[in-house]
Amino acid sequence: VEEDNFFEEHAEYLPRIHTKPELLEEMSKEGVEAVVLLARHNACDQCSVAEKTFAAAAKEIQRGAKTTKVKKMDRLRRSLT
């Protein structure tokens, strides 16, 4: 069995949340408008592409990048509020 180091690799922009108190702590941080959770199973080969995509998006958003994709997501979010 391979060791699962997904969250260690992406710790800078993907905090690991195990419990409700940890979730509430993340939600209460200044500037946090939304919390998106990645429910995952490390043994799922099909999930690895989704995990890489999720991690890349989290990294891009965390670093404050204003790419076209992020701008489109912002417009969508504003249209839903």
C-alpha atoms as a PDB file:
ATOM      1  CA  VAL A   1       0.000   0.000   0.000  1.00  0.00           C
ATOM      2  CA  GLU A   2       1.392   3.377  -1.041  1.00  0.00           C
ATOM      3  CA  GLU A   3       1.631   6.115   1.548  1.00  0.00           C
ATOM      4  CA  ASP A   4      -0.875   8.923   0.965  1.00  0.00           C
ATOM      5  CA  ASN A   5       0.982  12.228   1.016  1.00  0.00           C
ATOM      6  CA  PHE A   6      -1.501  14.325  -0.981  1.00  0.00           C
ATOM      7  CA  PHE A   7      -2.156  16.840   1.795  1.00  0.00           C
ATOM      8  CA  GLU A   8       1.499  17.096   2.769  1.00  0.00           C
ATOM      9  CA  GLU A   9       2.364  17.965  -0.864  1.00  0.00           C
ATOM     10  CA  HIS A  10      -0.311  20.675  -0.964  1.00  0.00           C
ATOM     11  CA  ALA A  11      -0.285  21.840   2.671  1.00  0.00           C
ATOM     12  CA  GLU A  12       0.423  25.482   1.723  1.00  0.00           C
ATOM     13  CA  TYR A  13      -3.008  25.904   0.134  1.00  0.00           C
ATOM     14  CA  LEU A  14      -5.052  22.839   1.147  1.00  0.00           C
ATOM     15  CA  PRO A  15      -5.507  22.546   4.916  1.00  0.00           C
ATOM     16  CA  ARG A  16      -6.470  19.094   6.090  1.00  0.00           C
ATOM     17  CA  ILE A  17      -9.829  19.087   7.881  1.00  0.00           C
ATOM     18  CA  HIS A  18     -10.897  16.049   9.899  1.00  0.00           C
ATOM     19  CA  THR A  19     -13.406  17.363  12.404  1.00  0.00           C
ATOM     20  CA  LYS A  20     -16.252  19.820  12.732  1.00  0.00           C
ATOM     21  CA  PRO A  21     -14.183  22.132  15.000  1.00  0.00           C
ATOM     22  CA  GLU A  22     -11.435  22.215  12.357  1.00  0.00           C
ATOM     23  CA  LEU A  23     -14.029  23.085   9.709  1.00  0.00           C
ATOM     24  CA  LEU A  24     -15.472  25.857  11.866  1.00  0.00           C
ATOM     25  CA  GLU A  25     -11.972  27.215  12.489  1.00  0.00           C
ATOM     26  CA  GLU A  26     -11.238  27.393   8.749  1.00  0.00           C
ATOM     27  CA  MET A  27     -14.604  29.044   8.093  1.00  0.00           C
ATOM     28  CA  SER A  28     -14.013  31.710  10.739  1.00  0.00           C
ATOM     29  CA  LYS A  29     -10.687  32.923   9.343  1.00  0.00           C
ATOM     30  CA  GLU A  30     -10.575  36.498   8.096  1.00  0.00           C
ATOM     31  CA  GLY A  31     -11.230  36.834   4.381  1.00  0.00           C
ATOM     32  CA  VAL A  32     -12.760  33.378   3.980  1.00  0.00           C
ATOM     33  CA  GLU A  33     -15.881  33.612   1.862  1.00  0.00           C
ATOM     34  CA  ALA A  34     -16.305  29.917   1.134  1.00  0.00           C
ATOM     35  CA  VAL A  35     -14.875  26.559   2.121  1.00  0.00           C
ATOM     36  CA  VAL A  36     -14.746  23.863  -0.535  1.00  0.00           C
ATOM     37  CA  LEU A  37     -14.144  20.341   0.696  1.00  0.00           C
ATOM     38  CA  LEU A  38     -12.502  17.526  -1.214  1.00  0.00           C
ATOM     39  CA  ALA A  39     -13.851  14.188  -0.023  1.00  0.00           C
ATOM     40  CA  ARG A  40     -11.412  11.622  -1.295  1.00  0.00           C
ATOM     41  CA  HIS A  41     -10.312   8.011  -1.156  1.00  0.00           C
ATOM     42  CA  ASN A  42      -6.579   7.669  -1.709  1.00  0.00           C
ATOM     43  CA  ALA A  43      -6.876   4.198  -3.254  1.00  0.00           C
ATOM     44  CA  CYS A  44      -9.118   5.396  -6.108  1.00  0.00           C
ATOM     45  CA  ASP A  45      -7.111   5.624  -9.331  1.00  0.00           C
ATOM     46  CA  GLN A  46      -9.892   7.505 -11.109  1.00  0.00           C
ATOM     47  CA  CYS A  47      -9.872  10.215  -8.442  1.00  0.00           C
ATOM     48  CA  SER A  48      -6.255  11.226  -9.013  1.00  0.00           C
ATOM     49  CA  VAL A  49      -7.072  13.483 -11.988  1.00  0.00           C
ATOM     50  CA  ALA A  50      -9.786  15.264  -9.993  1.00  0.00           C
ATOM     51  CA  GLU A  51      -7.414  15.647  -7.039  1.00  0.00           C
ATOM     52  CA  LYS A  52      -4.718  17.221  -9.211  1.00  0.00           C
ATOM     53  CA  THR A  53      -7.273  19.608 -10.713  1.00  0.00           C
ATOM     54  CA  PHE A  54      -8.631  20.518  -7.266  1.00  0.00           C
ATOM     55  CA  ALA A  55      -5.133  21.124  -5.894  1.00  0.00           C
ATOM     56  CA  ALA A  56      -4.152  23.270  -8.887  1.00  0.00           C
ATOM     57  CA  ALA A  57      -7.292  25.400  -8.525  1.00  0.00           C
ATOM     58  CA  ALA A  58      -6.725  25.805  -4.779  1.00  0.00           C
ATOM     59  CA  LYS A  59      -3.126  26.844  -5.374  1.00  0.00           C
ATOM     60  CA  GLU A  60      -4.157  29.373  -8.017  1.00  0.00           C
ATOM     61  CA  ILE A  61      -6.848  30.909  -5.828  1.00  0.00           C
ATOM     62  CA  GLN A  62      -4.701  30.909  -2.672  1.00  0.00           C
ATOM     63  CA  ARG A  63      -1.941  32.788  -4.432  1.00  0.00           C
ATOM     64  CA  GLY A  64      -4.416  35.398  -5.569  1.00  0.00           C
ATOM     65  CA  ALA A  65      -3.910  34.709  -9.248  1.00  0.00           C
ATOM     66  CA  LYS A  66      -6.393  36.542 -11.447  1.00  0.00           C
ATOM     67  CA  THR A  67      -6.511  34.218 -14.400  1.00  0.00           C
ATOM     68  CA  THR A  68      -9.390  34.044 -16.816  1.00  0.00           C
ATOM     69  CA  LYS A  69     -10.712  30.943 -15.074  1.00  0.00           C
ATOM     70  CA  VAL A  70     -10.776  32.658 -11.688  1.00  0.00           C
ATOM     71  CA  LYS A  71     -12.452  35.737 -13.171  1.00  0.00           C
ATOM     72  CA  LYS A  72     -15.132  33.523 -14.733  1.00  0.00           C
ATOM     73  CA  MET A  73     -15.683  31.830 -11.363  1.00  0.00           C
ATOM     74  CA  ASP A  74     -16.002  35.254  -9.698  1.00  0.00           C
ATOM     75  CA  ARG A  75     -18.623  36.347 -12.231  1.00  0.00           C
ATOM     76  CA  LEU A  76     -20.553  33.116 -11.675  1.00  0.00           C
ATOM     77  CA  ARG A  77     -20.387  33.537  -7.891  1.00  0.00           C
ATOM     78  CA  ARG A  78     -21.658  37.121  -8.128  1.00  0.00           C
ATOM     79  CA  SER A  79     -24.502  36.047 -10.412  1.00  0.00           C
ATOM     80  CA  LEU A  80     -25.617  33.498  -7.825  1.00  0.00           C
ATOM     81  CA  THR A  81     -25.763  35.981  -4.938  1.00  0.00           C
END
